[in-house]
C-alpha atoms as a PDB file:
ATOM      1  CA  MET A   1       2.423   8.542-160.998  1.00  0.00           C
ATOM      2  CA  THR A   2       2.141   7.032-164.510  1.00  0.00           C
ATOM      3  CA  TYR A   3      -1.507   7.035-165.506  1.00  0.00           C
ATOM      4  CA  GLY A   4      -1.302   5.143-168.816  1.00  0.00           C
ATOM      5  CA  PRO A   5      -1.816   1.544-167.609  1.00  0.00           C
ATOM      6  CA  MET A   6      -4.365   2.582-165.001  1.00  0.00           C
ATOM      7  CA  LEU A   7      -6.435   4.567-167.506  1.00  0.00           C
ATOM      8  CA  ALA A   8      -6.301   1.704-169.981  1.00  0.00           C
ATOM      9  CA  ASP A   9      -7.607  -0.644-167.303  1.00  0.00           C
ATOM     10  CA  ALA A  10     -10.264   1.912-166.368  1.00  0.00           C
ATOM     11  CA  VAL A  11     -11.481   2.075-169.966  1.00  0.00           C
ATOM     12  CA  GLY A  12     -11.600  -1.711-170.007  1.00  0.00           C
ATOM     13  CA  LEU A  13     -13.619  -1.679-166.807  1.00  0.00           C
ATOM     14  CA  LEU A  14     -16.155   0.780-168.242  1.00  0.00           C
ATOM     15  CA  SER A  15     -16.326  -1.199-171.502  1.00  0.00           C
ATOM     16  CA  SER A  16     -17.086  -4.480-169.776  1.00  0.00           C
ATOM     17  CA  GLY A  17     -20.814  -3.806-169.536  1.00  0.00           C
ATOM     18  CA  GLU A  18     -20.861  -4.664-165.816  1.00  0.00           C
ATOM     19  CA  PRO A  19     -18.251  -2.368-164.233  1.00  0.00           C
ATOM     20  CA  GLU A  20     -19.601  -3.044-160.733  1.00  0.00           C
ATOM     21  CA  ARG A  21     -18.309  -6.620-160.932  1.00  0.00           C
ATOM     22  CA  GLY A  22     -14.763  -5.566-161.801  1.00  0.00           C
ATOM     23  CA  LEU A  23     -14.498  -2.581-159.479  1.00  0.00           C
ATOM     24  CA  GLU A  24     -12.960  -4.452-156.536  1.00  0.00           C
ATOM     25  CA  GLY A  25     -10.272  -5.939-158.779  1.00  0.00           C
ATOM     26  CA  PHE A  26      -9.457  -2.493-160.143  1.00  0.00           C
ATOM     27  CA  ARG A  27      -9.159  -1.097-156.623  1.00  0.00           C
ATOM     28  CA  ALA A  28      -6.894  -3.973-155.606  1.00  0.00           C
ATOM     29  CA  ALA A  29      -4.661  -3.316-158.617  1.00  0.00           C
ATOM     30  CA  TYR A  30      -4.355   0.412-157.839  1.00  0.00           C
ATOM     31  CA  PRO A  31      -4.577   0.781-154.036  1.00  0.00           C
ATOM     32  CA  ARG A  32      -2.879   4.192-153.972  1.00  0.00           C
ATOM     33  CA  VAL A  33      -5.862   5.944-155.542  1.00  0.00           C
ATOM     34  CA  ARG A  34      -9.445   6.311-154.359  1.00  0.00           C
ATOM     35  CA  THR A  35     -12.070   5.291-156.901  1.00  0.00           C
ATOM     36  CA  ARG A  36     -15.776   5.856-157.117  1.00  0.00           C
ATOM     37  CA  LEU A  37     -18.096   4.368-159.724  1.00  0.00           C
ATOM     38  CA  VAL A  38     -21.047   6.627-160.488  1.00  0.00           C
ATOM     39  CA  ALA A  39     -24.128   5.261-162.224  1.00  0.00           C
ATOM     40  CA  GLN A  40     -26.659   7.536-163.942  1.00  0.00           C
ATOM     41  CA  ARG A  41     -29.993   6.369-165.301  1.00  0.00           C
ATOM     42  CA  GLU A  42     -30.978   8.626-168.194  1.00  0.00           C
ATOM     43  CA  GLU A  43     -34.645   9.478-167.820  1.00  0.00           C
ATOM     44  CA  PHE A  44     -35.040  10.325-171.494  1.00  0.00           C
ATOM     45  CA  ASP A  45     -34.496   6.787-172.807  1.00  0.00           C
ATOM     46  CA  GLY A  46     -33.827   4.680-169.694  1.00  0.00           C
ATOM     47  CA  SER A  47     -30.203   3.955-170.607  1.00  0.00           C
ATOM     48  CA  LEU A  48     -27.646   3.400-167.851  1.00  0.00           C
ATOM     49  CA  HIS A  49     -24.330   5.244-167.993  1.00  0.00           C
ATOM     50  CA  HIS A  50     -21.266   4.763-165.772  1.00  0.00           C
ATOM     51  CA  ALA A  51     -18.435   7.136-164.980  1.00  0.00           C
ATOM     52  CA  LEU A  52     -15.315   6.382-162.955  1.00  0.00           C
ATOM     53  CA  LEU A  53     -13.874   9.021-160.630  1.00  0.00           C
ATOM     54  CA  ILE A  54     -10.208   8.487-159.701  1.00  0.00           C
ATOM     55  CA  LYS A  55      -8.626  10.630-156.979  1.00  0.00           C
ATOM     56  CA  ASP A  56      -4.831  10.621-156.630  1.00  0.00           C
ATOM     57  CA  GLY A  57      -2.794  11.604-153.581  1.00  0.00           C
ATOM     58  CA  ASP A  58      -2.484  15.217-154.756  1.00  0.00           C
ATOM     59  CA  GLY A  59      -6.246  15.679-154.413  1.00  0.00           C
ATOM     60  CA  ALA A  60      -6.914  15.995-158.150  1.00  0.00           C
ATOM     61  CA  THR A  61      -9.738  13.914-159.622  1.00  0.00           C
ATOM     62  CA  ILE A  62      -9.782  12.197-163.003  1.00  0.00           C
ATOM     63  CA  SER A  63     -13.276  11.722-164.424  1.00  0.00           C
ATOM     64  CA  LEU A  64     -13.495   8.987-167.041  1.00  0.00           C
ATOM     65  CA  SER A  65     -16.576   7.815-168.906  1.00  0.00           C
ATOM     66  CA  ARG A  66     -17.398   5.935-172.092  1.00  0.00           C
ATOM     67  CA  CYS A  67     -20.334   6.386-174.432  1.00  0.00           C
ATOM     68  CA  ALA A  68     -21.213   3.358-176.507  1.00  0.00           C
ATOM     69  CA  GLU A  69     -22.131   3.574-180.175  1.00  0.00           C
ATOM     70  CA  ARG A  70     -25.752   4.597-180.747  1.00  0.00           C
ATOM     71  CA  ALA A  71     -26.056   5.604-177.128  1.00  0.00           C
ATOM     72  CA  LEU A  72     -27.830   8.828-176.246  1.00  0.00           C
ATOM     73  CA  PRO A  73     -25.670  11.765-177.440  1.00  0.00           C
ATOM     74  CA  TRP A  74     -24.054  13.771-174.659  1.00  0.00           C
ATOM     75  CA  PRO A  75     -25.879  17.053-175.474  1.00  0.00           C
ATOM     76  CA  LEU A  76     -29.195  15.300-174.823  1.00  0.00           C
ATOM     77  CA  ARG A  77     -28.265  13.846-171.447  1.00  0.00           C
ATOM     78  CA  GLY A  78     -30.199  15.580-168.703  1.00  0.00           C
ATOM     79  CA  VAL A  79     -33.254  16.321-170.863  1.00  0.00           C
ATOM     80  CA  HIS A  80     -36.342  16.281-168.640  1.00  0.00           C
ATOM     81  CA  ARG A  81     -39.780  14.898-169.328  1.00  0.00           C
ATOM     82  CA  ALA A  82     -42.641  17.037-168.154  1.00  0.00           C
ATOM     83  CA  GLY A  83     -43.690  14.317-165.670  1.00  0.00           C
ATOM     84  CA  GLU A  84     -40.357  14.540-163.896  1.00  0.00           C
ATOM     85  CA  HIS A  85     -41.492  17.778-162.295  1.00  0.00           C
ATOM     86  CA  LEU A  86     -44.317  15.950-160.529  1.00  0.00           C
ATOM     87  CA  LEU A  87     -43.795  14.369-157.128  1.00  0.00           C
ATOM     88  CA  LEU A  88     -47.300  13.046-156.428  1.00  0.00           C
ATOM     89  CA  ARG A  89     -50.740  12.657-157.998  1.00  0.00           C
ATOM     90  CA  VAL A  90     -53.778  11.886-155.800  1.00  0.00           C
ATOM     91  CA  ASN A  91     -57.188  11.473-157.458  1.00  0.00           C
ATOM     92  CA  GLY A  92     -55.876  13.449-160.406  1.00  0.00           C
ATOM     93  CA  VAL A  93     -54.596  16.299-158.232  1.00  0.00           C
ATOM     94  CA  GLU A  94     -50.930  16.848-159.024  1.00  0.00           C
ATOM     95  CA  THR A  95     -48.244  18.023-156.592  1.00  0.00           C
ATOM     96  CA  PRO A  96     -45.199  19.422-158.411  1.00  0.00           C
ATOM     97  CA  VAL A  97     -41.784  19.107-156.791  1.00  0.00           C
ATOM     98  CA  ALA A  98     -41.610  22.892-156.414  1.00  0.00           C
ATOM     99  CA  ARG A  99     -44.825  22.930-154.342  1.00  0.00           C
ATOM    100  CA  ALA A 100     -43.600  20.082-152.121  1.00  0.00           C
ATOM    101  CA  ILE A 101     -40.330  21.882-151.501  1.00  0.00           C
ATOM    102  CA  ALA A 102     -42.220  25.074-150.699  1.00  0.00           C
ATOM    103  CA  CYS A 103     -44.194  23.131-148.071  1.00  0.00           C
ATOM    104  CA  LEU A 104     -40.925  21.893-146.579  1.00  0.00           C
ATOM    105  CA  ASP A 105     -39.807  25.507-146.394  1.00  0.00           C
ATOM    106  CA  PHE A 106     -42.425  26.134-143.702  1.00  0.00           C
ATOM    107  CA  ILE A 107     -40.816  23.567-141.382  1.00  0.00           C
ATOM    108  CA  TRP A 108     -37.243  24.695-142.036  1.00  0.00           C
ATOM    109  CA  ASP A 109     -36.803  25.738-138.400  1.00  0.00           C
ATOM    110  CA  GLU A 110     -37.366  22.067-137.450  1.00  0.00           C
ATOM    111  CA  SER A 111     -34.226  20.948-139.236  1.00  0.00           C
ATOM    112  CA  ALA A 112     -34.456  17.191-138.579  1.00  0.00           C
ATOM    113  CA  LEU A 113     -35.606  16.470-142.146  1.00  0.00           C
ATOM    114  CA  ALA A 114     -32.962  18.687-143.748  1.00  0.00           C
ATOM    115  CA  ASP A 115     -30.277  17.136-141.543  1.00  0.00           C
ATOM    116  CA  ARG A 116     -31.356  13.625-142.514  1.00  0.00           C
ATOM    117  CA  LEU A 117     -31.227  14.472-146.218  1.00  0.00           C
ATOM    118  CA  VAL A 118     -27.687  15.820-145.867  1.00  0.00           C
ATOM    119  CA  ALA A 119     -26.616  12.848-143.734  1.00  0.00           C
ATOM    120  CA  ASP A 120     -28.035  10.423-146.314  1.00  0.00           C
ATOM    121  CA  SER A 121     -25.990  12.098-149.056  1.00  0.00           C
ATOM    122  CA  LEU A 122     -22.798  11.920-146.985  1.00  0.00           C
ATOM    123  CA  VAL A 123     -23.350   8.242-146.186  1.00  0.00           C
ATOM    124  CA  ARG A 124     -24.067   7.379-149.834  1.00  0.00           C
ATOM    125  CA  GLU A 125     -20.913   9.217-150.879  1.00  0.00           C
ATOM    126  CA  GLU A 126     -18.850   7.058-148.529  1.00  0.00           C
ATOM    127  CA  LEU A 127     -20.601   3.832-149.536  1.00  0.00           C
ATOM    128  CA  GLU A 128     -19.962   4.491-153.223  1.00  0.00           C
ATOM    129  CA  GLU A 129     -16.228   4.340-152.461  1.00  0.00           C
ATOM    130  CA  THR A 130     -16.037   1.732-149.698  1.00  0.00           C
ATOM    131  CA  ARG A 131     -19.173  -0.433-149.886  1.00  0.00           C
ATOM    132  CA  GLU A 132     -18.411  -4.131-149.705  1.00  0.00           C
ATOM    133  CA  PRO A 133     -20.540  -6.664-151.622  1.00  0.00           C
ATOM    134  CA  LEU A 134     -23.199  -8.475-149.592  1.00  0.00           C
ATOM    135  CA  SER A 135     -23.334 -12.276-149.795  1.00  0.00           C
ATOM    136  CA  ASP A 136     -26.650 -14.054-150.383  1.00  0.00           C
ATOM    137  CA  ALA A 137     -26.580 -15.378-146.807  1.00  0.00           C
ATOM    138  CA  ALA A 138     -25.898 -11.921-145.376  1.00  0.00           C
ATOM    139  CA  LEU A 139     -28.679 -10.427-147.510  1.00  0.00           C
ATOM    140  CA  GLN A 140     -31.143 -13.047-146.251  1.00  0.00           C
ATOM    141  CA  GLU A 141     -30.113 -12.372-142.651  1.00  0.00           C
ATOM    142  CA  ALA A 142     -30.571  -8.643-143.191  1.00  0.00           C
ATOM    143  CA  MET A 143     -33.951  -9.252-144.850  1.00  0.00           C
ATOM    144  CA  ASP A 144     -35.136 -11.346-141.882  1.00  0.00           C
ATOM    145  CA  ALA A 145     -34.032  -8.609-139.454  1.00  0.00           C
ATOM    146  CA  PHE A 146     -35.768  -5.941-141.589  1.00  0.00           C
ATOM    147  CA  ARG A 147     -39.037  -7.890-141.531  1.00  0.00           C
ATOM    148  CA  ARG A 148     -38.870  -8.621-137.782  1.00  0.00           C
ATOM    149  CA  ALA A 149     -38.255  -4.956-136.980  1.00  0.00           C
ATOM    150  CA  ARG A 150     -41.462  -4.022-138.839  1.00  0.00           C
ATOM    151  CA  GLY A 151     -43.612  -6.900-137.624  1.00  0.00           C
ATOM    152  CA  LEU A 152     -43.700  -8.521-141.084  1.00  0.00           C
ATOM    153  CA  LEU A 153     -43.648 -12.066-139.745  1.00  0.00           C
ATOM    154  CA  THR A 154     -45.493 -13.777-142.598  1.00  0.00           C
ATOM    155  CA  GLY A 155     -45.215 -13.723-146.357  1.00  0.00           C
ATOM    156  CA  GLU A 156     -48.731 -12.294-146.573  1.00  0.00           C
ATOM    157  CA  ALA A 157     -47.869  -9.407-144.222  1.00  0.00           C
ATOM    158  CA  THR A 158     -44.709  -8.684-146.197  1.00  0.00           C
ATOM    159  CA  ARG A 159     -46.561  -8.632-149.531  1.00  0.00           C
ATOM    160  CA  ALA A 160     -49.233  -6.352-148.067  1.00  0.00           C
ATOM    161  CA  TRP A 161     -46.528  -3.968-146.790  1.00  0.00           C
ATOM    162  CA  MET A 162     -44.870  -3.965-150.233  1.00  0.00           C
ATOM    163  CA  GLU A 163     -48.198  -3.272-151.911  1.00  0.00           C
ATOM    164  CA  ARG A 164     -49.024  -0.453-149.485  1.00  0.00           C
ATOM    165  CA  ASN A 165     -45.641   1.177-150.068  1.00  0.00           C
ATOM    166  CA  ARG A 166     -45.640   0.506-153.841  1.00  0.00           C
ATOM    167  CA  ILE A 167     -42.309  -1.306-153.672  1.00  0.00           C
ATOM    168  CA  SER A 168     -41.183  -4.281-155.774  1.00  0.00           C
ATOM    169  CA  HIS A 169     -39.222  -7.277-154.511  1.00  0.00           C
ATOM    170  CA  ARG A 170     -36.079  -5.992-156.222  1.00  0.00           C
ATOM    171  CA  GLU A 171     -36.514  -2.565-154.657  1.00  0.00           C
ATOM    172  CA  LEU A 172     -37.026  -4.207-151.261  1.00  0.00           C
ATOM    173  CA  GLU A 173     -33.768  -6.126-151.657  1.00  0.00           C
ATOM    174  CA  GLU A 174     -31.971  -2.908-152.613  1.00  0.00           C
ATOM    175  CA  LEU A 175     -33.427  -1.130-149.571  1.00  0.00           C
ATOM    176  CA  VAL A 176     -32.402  -3.950-147.225  1.00  0.00           C
ATOM    177  CA  ALA A 177     -28.920  -4.167-148.768  1.00  0.00           C
ATOM    178  CA  LEU A 178     -28.470  -0.427-148.276  1.00  0.00           C
ATOM    179  CA  GLU A 179     -29.596  -0.672-144.640  1.00  0.00           C
ATOM    180  CA  ALA A 180     -27.099  -3.502-144.071  1.00  0.00           C
ATOM    181  CA  ALA A 181     -24.344  -1.492-145.774  1.00  0.00           C
ATOM    182  CA  VAL A 182     -25.029   1.499-143.517  1.00  0.00           C
ATOM    183  CA  ALA A 183     -24.894  -0.752-140.435  1.00  0.00           C
ATOM    184  CA  ALA A 184     -21.573  -2.181-141.609  1.00  0.00           C
ATOM    185  CA  LEU A 185     -20.228   1.327-142.234  1.00  0.00           C
ATOM    186  CA  ARG A 186     -21.338   2.381-138.748  1.00  0.00           C
ATOM    187  CA  SER A 187     -19.456  -0.555-137.233  1.00  0.00           C
ATOM    188  CA  ARG A 188     -16.318   0.295-139.239  1.00  0.00           C
ATOM    189  CA  VAL A 189     -16.423   3.937-138.166  1.00  0.00           C
ATOM    190  CA  ALA A 190     -16.862   2.991-134.484  1.00  0.00           C
ATOM    191  CA  GLU A 191     -14.346   0.135-134.495  1.00  0.00           C
ATOM    192  CA  GLY A 192     -11.787   0.498-131.694  1.00  0.00           C
ATOM    193  CA  ARG A 193     -13.464   3.649-130.336  1.00  0.00           C
ATOM    194  CA  VAL A 194     -16.409   2.333-128.320  1.00  0.00           C
ATOM    195  CA  GLU A 195     -14.601   1.743-125.007  1.00  0.00           C
ATOM    196  CA  ASP A 196     -12.850   5.132-125.033  1.00  0.00           C
ATOM    197  CA  TRP A 197     -16.078   6.952-125.913  1.00  0.00           C
ATOM    198  CA  PHE A 198     -17.957   5.154-123.141  1.00  0.00           C
ATOM    199  CA  ALA A 199     -15.218   5.905-120.595  1.00  0.00           C
ATOM    200  CA  GLU A 200     -15.502   9.618-121.374  1.00  0.00           C
ATOM    201  CA  HIS A 201     -19.223  10.032-122.105  1.00  0.00           C
ATOM    202  CA  GLY A 202     -20.896   6.939-120.647  1.00  0.00           C
ATOM    203  CA  ALA A 203     -22.828   8.957-118.057  1.00  0.00           C
ATOM    204  CA  GLN A 204     -24.919  10.397-120.930  1.00  0.00           C
ATOM    205  CA  LEU A 205     -26.460   6.933-121.301  1.00  0.00           C
ATOM    206  CA  ASP A 206     -27.503   6.539-117.665  1.00  0.00           C
ATOM    207  CA  VAL A 207     -31.158   5.488-117.436  1.00  0.00           C
ATOM    208  CA  ALA A 208     -34.022   6.849-115.363  1.00  0.00           C
ATOM    209  CA  ARG A 209     -37.353   4.990-115.276  1.00  0.00           C
ATOM    210  CA  VAL A 210     -40.090   7.495-114.619  1.00  0.00           C
ATOM    211  CA  ALA A 211     -43.791   8.236-114.551  1.00  0.00           C
ATOM    212  CA  ARG A 212     -44.511  11.591-116.128  1.00  0.00           C
ATOM    213  CA  ALA A 213     -47.278  13.921-117.229  1.00  0.00           C
ATOM    214  CA  VAL A 214     -47.538  17.335-118.848  1.00  0.00           C
ATOM    215  CA  PHE A 215     -50.029  19.663-117.142  1.00  0.00           C
ATOM    216  CA  VAL A 216     -51.598  22.381-119.284  1.00  0.00           C
ATOM    217  CA  THR A 217     -51.170  24.916-116.476  1.00  0.00           C
ATOM    218  CA  GLU A 218     -48.586  24.922-113.730  1.00  0.00           C
ATOM    219  CA  PRO A 219     -49.905  22.828-110.822  1.00  0.00           C
ATOM    220  CA  ALA A 220     -50.789  24.862-107.750  1.00  0.00           C
ATOM    221  CA  ALA A 221     -48.961  22.257-105.687  1.00  0.00           C
ATOM    222  CA  VAL A 222     -46.664  19.405-106.594  1.00  0.00           C
ATOM    223  CA  PRO A 223     -48.386  16.141-105.591  1.00  0.00           C
ATOM    224  CA  ASP A 224     -46.524  13.870-103.229  1.00  0.00           C
ATOM    225  CA  ALA A 225     -45.063  10.627-104.548  1.00  0.00           C
ATOM    226  CA  ALA A 226     -47.835   8.432-103.153  1.00  0.00           C
ATOM    227  CA  GLY A 227     -50.572  10.501-104.773  1.00  0.00           C
ATOM    228  CA  PHE A 228     -48.783  11.216-108.065  1.00  0.00           C
ATOM    229  CA  LEU A 229     -50.628   8.767-110.332  1.00  0.00           C
ATOM    230  CA  GLY A 230     -53.987   9.700-108.811  1.00  0.00           C
ATOM    231  CA  ALA A 231     -53.267  13.379-109.475  1.00  0.00           C
ATOM    232  CA  VAL A 232     -52.364  12.572-113.086  1.00  0.00           C
ATOM    233  CA  GLU A 233     -55.611  10.609-113.542  1.00  0.00           C
ATOM    234  CA  ARG A 234     -57.723  13.437-112.156  1.00  0.00           C
ATOM    235  CA  ALA A 235     -55.910  16.047-114.255  1.00  0.00           C
ATOM    236  CA  PHE A 236     -56.368  14.004-117.423  1.00  0.00           C
ATOM    237  CA  ALA A 237     -60.039  13.452-116.638  1.00  0.00           C
ATOM    238  CA  ASP A 238     -60.731  17.183-116.220  1.00  0.00           C
ATOM    239  CA  GLY A 239     -58.596  18.192-119.228  1.00  0.00           C
ATOM    240  CA  SER A 240     -55.762  19.868-117.349  1.00  0.00           C
ATOM    241  CA  ALA A 241     -53.191  17.206-118.323  1.00  0.00           C
ATOM    242  CA  ARG A 242     -52.234  16.432-121.904  1.00  0.00           C
ATOM    243  CA  PRO A 243     -52.603  12.871-123.260  1.00  0.00           C
ATOM    244  CA  GLY A 244     -49.329  11.021-123.653  1.00  0.00           C
ATOM    245  CA  GLU A 245     -47.164   8.157-122.474  1.00  0.00           C
ATOM    246  CA  VAL A 246     -47.062   8.070-118.667  1.00  0.00           C
ATOM    247  CA  PHE A 247     -44.345   5.477-118.042  1.00  0.00           C
ATOM    248  CA  ALA A 248     -41.085   6.037-119.870  1.00  0.00           C
ATOM    249  CA  THR A 249     -37.355   5.366-119.885  1.00  0.00           C
ATOM    250  CA  VAL A 250     -35.131   8.413-120.401  1.00  0.00           C
ATOM    251  CA  ARG A 251     -31.379   8.741-120.783  1.00  0.00           C
ATOM    252  CA  ARG A 252     -29.388  11.541-119.236  1.00  0.00           C
ATOM    253  CA  GLY A 253     -27.918  12.754-122.527  1.00  0.00           C
ATOM    254  CA  ASP A 254     -31.353  13.193-124.124  1.00  0.00           C
ATOM    255  CA  LEU A 255     -32.368  15.839-121.557  1.00  0.00           C
ATOM    256  CA  ASP A 256     -31.210  19.412-121.146  1.00  0.00           C
ATOM    257  CA  GLY A 257     -28.644  19.932-118.416  1.00  0.00           C
ATOM    258  CA  GLU A 258     -30.890  21.311-115.670  1.00  0.00           C
ATOM    259  CA  THR A 259     -33.672  18.760-116.233  1.00  0.00           C
ATOM    260  CA  ALA A 260     -31.169  15.885-116.277  1.00  0.00           C
ATOM    261  CA  GLU A 261     -29.510  17.080-113.086  1.00  0.00           C
ATOM    262  CA  ARG A 262     -32.817  17.333-111.205  1.00  0.00           C
ATOM    263  CA  ILE A 263     -34.236  14.001-112.427  1.00  0.00           C
ATOM    264  CA  PHE A 264     -31.071  11.954-112.040  1.00  0.00           C
ATOM    265  CA  GLY A 265     -30.304  13.650-108.727  1.00  0.00           C
ATOM    266  CA  ALA A 266     -33.710  12.902-107.261  1.00  0.00           C
ATOM    267  CA  PRO A 267     -34.017   9.885-104.940  1.00  0.00           C
ATOM    268  CA  PRO A 268     -36.199   7.129-106.423  1.00  0.00           C
ATOM    269  CA  GLY A 269     -39.785   7.478-105.275  1.00  0.00           C
ATOM    270  CA  THR A 270     -39.781  11.286-105.280  1.00  0.00           C
ATOM    271  CA  VAL A 271     -41.346  13.824-107.656  1.00  0.00           C
ATOM    272  CA  ALA A 272     -39.260  16.286-109.677  1.00  0.00           C
ATOM    273  CA  GLY A 273     -40.556  19.404-111.421  1.00  0.00           C
ATOM    274  CA  PRO A 274     -42.461  21.144-112.685  1.00  0.00           C
ATOM    275  CA  PHE A 275     -40.323  21.753-115.798  1.00  0.00           C
ATOM    276  CA  PRO A 276     -41.561  24.233-118.416  1.00  0.00           C
ATOM    277  CA  VAL A 277     -42.038  22.408-121.721  1.00  0.00           C
ATOM    278  CA  GLU A 278     -43.898  23.053-124.940  1.00  0.00           C
ATOM    279  CA  GLY A 279     -47.606  23.015-124.175  1.00  0.00           C
ATOM    280  CA  GLY A 280     -47.393  23.086-120.398  1.00  0.00           C
ATOM    281  CA  HIS A 281     -45.416  21.974-117.359  1.00  0.00           C
ATOM    282  CA  LEU A 282     -43.838  18.563-116.879  1.00  0.00           C
ATOM    283  CA  LEU A 283     -43.949  16.633-113.610  1.00  0.00           C
ATOM    284  CA  VAL A 284     -41.826  13.513-113.216  1.00  0.00           C
ATOM    285  CA  LYS A 285     -41.936  10.795-110.575  1.00  0.00           C
ATOM    286  CA  VAL A 286     -38.563   9.050-110.491  1.00  0.00           C
ATOM    287  CA  LEU A 287     -39.020   5.291-110.111  1.00  0.00           C
ATOM    288  CA  ALA A 288     -35.438   4.071-110.597  1.00  0.00           C
ATOM    289  CA  VAL A 289     -32.037   5.356-111.719  1.00  0.00           C
ATOM    290  CA  GLU A 290     -29.481   3.016-113.283  1.00  0.00           C
ATOM    291  CA  PRO A 291     -25.925   3.827-114.381  1.00  0.00           C
ATOM    292  CA  ALA A 292     -25.108   2.788-117.942  1.00  0.00           C
ATOM    293  CA  VAL A 293     -23.348  -0.551-118.422  1.00  0.00           C
ATOM    294  CA  LEU A 294     -21.544  -1.384-121.655  1.00  0.00           C
ATOM    295  CA  ASP A 295     -23.803  -4.262-122.666  1.00  0.00           C
ATOM    296  CA  ALA A 296     -24.982  -5.049-126.209  1.00  0.00           C
ATOM    297  CA  THR A 297     -27.737  -2.407-126.128  1.00  0.00           C
ATOM    298  CA  VAL A 298     -25.472   0.366-124.869  1.00  0.00           C
ATOM    299  CA  ARG A 299     -22.699  -0.673-127.248  1.00  0.00           C
ATOM    300  CA  ASP A 300     -25.112  -0.200-130.147  1.00  0.00           C
ATOM    301  CA  LEU A 301     -26.070   3.245-128.791  1.00  0.00           C
ATOM    302  CA  VAL A 302     -22.410   4.220-128.465  1.00  0.00           C
ATOM    303  CA  GLU A 303     -21.720   3.129-132.045  1.00  0.00           C
ATOM    304  CA  ARG A 304     -24.624   5.290-133.195  1.00  0.00           C
ATOM    305  CA  ARG A 305     -23.351   8.304-131.216  1.00  0.00           C
ATOM    306  CA  ILE A 306     -19.858   7.885-132.712  1.00  0.00           C
ATOM    307  CA  PHE A 307     -21.378   7.540-136.186  1.00  0.00           C
ATOM    308  CA  SER A 308     -23.443  10.689-135.657  1.00  0.00           C
ATOM    309  CA  GLU A 309     -20.323  12.595-134.634  1.00  0.00           C
ATOM    310  CA  TRP A 310     -18.552  11.271-137.737  1.00  0.00           C
ATOM    311  CA  ILE A 311     -21.396  12.549-139.932  1.00  0.00           C
ATOM    312  CA  ASP A 312     -21.278  15.937-138.182  1.00  0.00           C
ATOM    313  CA  GLU A 313     -17.562  16.210-138.951  1.00  0.00           C
ATOM    314  CA  ARG A 314     -18.142  15.403-142.609  1.00  0.00           C
ATOM    315  CA  ARG A 315     -21.074  17.822-142.781  1.00  0.00           C
ATOM    316  CA  ASN A 316     -18.900  20.645-141.433  1.00  0.00           C
ATOM    317  CA  ALA A 317     -16.362  20.003-144.186  1.00  0.00           C
ATOM    318  CA  ALA A 318     -18.890  19.374-146.979  1.00  0.00           C
ATOM    319  CA  LYS A 319     -20.038  21.656-149.746  1.00  0.00           C
ATOM    320  CA  ILE A 320     -23.824  21.678-149.446  1.00  0.00           C
ATOM    321  CA  GLU A 321     -26.045  23.284-152.083  1.00  0.00           C
ATOM    322  CA  TRP A 322     -29.807  23.531-151.713  1.00  0.00           C
ATOM    323  CA  PHE A 323     -31.586  24.108-155.020  1.00  0.00           C
ATOM    324  CA  TRP A 324     -34.579  25.770-153.413  1.00  0.00           C
ATOM    325  CA  GLY A 325     -35.312  28.423-150.831  1.00  0.00           C
ATOM    326  CA  ILE A 326     -33.471  31.684-150.436  1.00  0.00           C
ATOM    327  CA  ALA A 327     -29.805  32.194-151.250  1.00  0.00           C
ATOM    328  CA  GLU A 328     -28.848  32.721-147.584  1.00  0.00           C
ATOM    329  CA  ARG A 329     -29.976  29.202-146.724  1.00  0.00           C
ATOM    330  CA  THR A 330     -28.021  27.702-149.587  1.00  0.00           C
ATOM    331  CA  ALA A 331     -24.877  29.578-148.631  1.00  0.00           C
ATOM    332  CA  GLY A 332     -25.407  28.804-144.965  1.00  0.00           C
ATOM    333  CA  GLY A 333     -25.602  25.058-145.635  1.00  0.00           C
END
C-alpha cells in the first residue's frame, strides 16, 4: 500500500499533543492496518512520550515517534534513578526489586502469580489496540459496582480504603476504567460462543452443596450421614480435624476427575470419601446436587472460562521473557 498519506497523518497525530483523542479517527481512516499507541513516562524528567506502531497485512510493523524540541535527548531515555531499584521501604528498611523477585522465586512452583502477570500483559496488549473509550455515565456505573464489590458503601469508607492503599482519586478512576475495559473485552471475546460452550462443557458447572471437613489422620471409620456433623465437631474439638469452612458449594469442573465422580455420583444425604488431600483426608457429606442452568450467574462463569481459554491460546503463541531467575525458566516461558 502507499504509506505517504498515512505516515503524514500519523505524524500529525503524534504532533497534536493529545494523540489519544485522535486515535479513533486515525483508525477509522485506515481500517486495513492495526495501530497501537504506546505511551512512555520518562522517569528521568517526568516527560511523556508517545510512539505509534502500525502493522500492515504483511505482518511488518512501522514504528513512528516524534521528539519535540528541547525534549529529553534519545540517548538519555531509559536512564534510571537509584530509587527506581527499590520496591518498598518499611521503617527505613529497604526492599530492592531484586530481593523481591528472589522471594518470588521460592514460590515459582505455585505458578498462579506468574500466570496472572503474563495474562495481565496479554490483556493490556489487546486493550492498547482495541480499547473503546468509556463514557462518564459508564465510568460512574463501573465505579459504583467497584465500590459495592468491596463493601465501600459510603464516601468515608471509600476514602479510608484509598488512604490504606495509597491510591489517589485519579488512580482509582484509572483502575476502575481498566476493570471495566477488561470486562468489555471478556464479553467481546465470548460473544456468540456462550451457548455452544455450555452445550459441550456445561456439566463442568454442575453444583454440589456439601458439608465437608479435613481430618488430620484417616478416620478409622467413615461416619454415617446422620452423625457426620457430630463427628466433625468432636474431631475439631480434639484437634484431629483442621479448621476450615464446613458448608460449601463446589462445581464439578473445579474437582479432579475421581473426586468429582464420587461426589456428584453420591445420592444426597450420603457421605463420600475419604479423599487424600494436602494436610489430611477429606470427608464430604453431599446435601444436594444441581445440574447447571444457563442463567445470569452461569453465563458469567462461561464467559470467564472462554476468556481464560482465549488467554491460554495467546500465551502459547506469545514470546515471554522473564528478566530474573535462571535461563531455563526464561526460555521455557
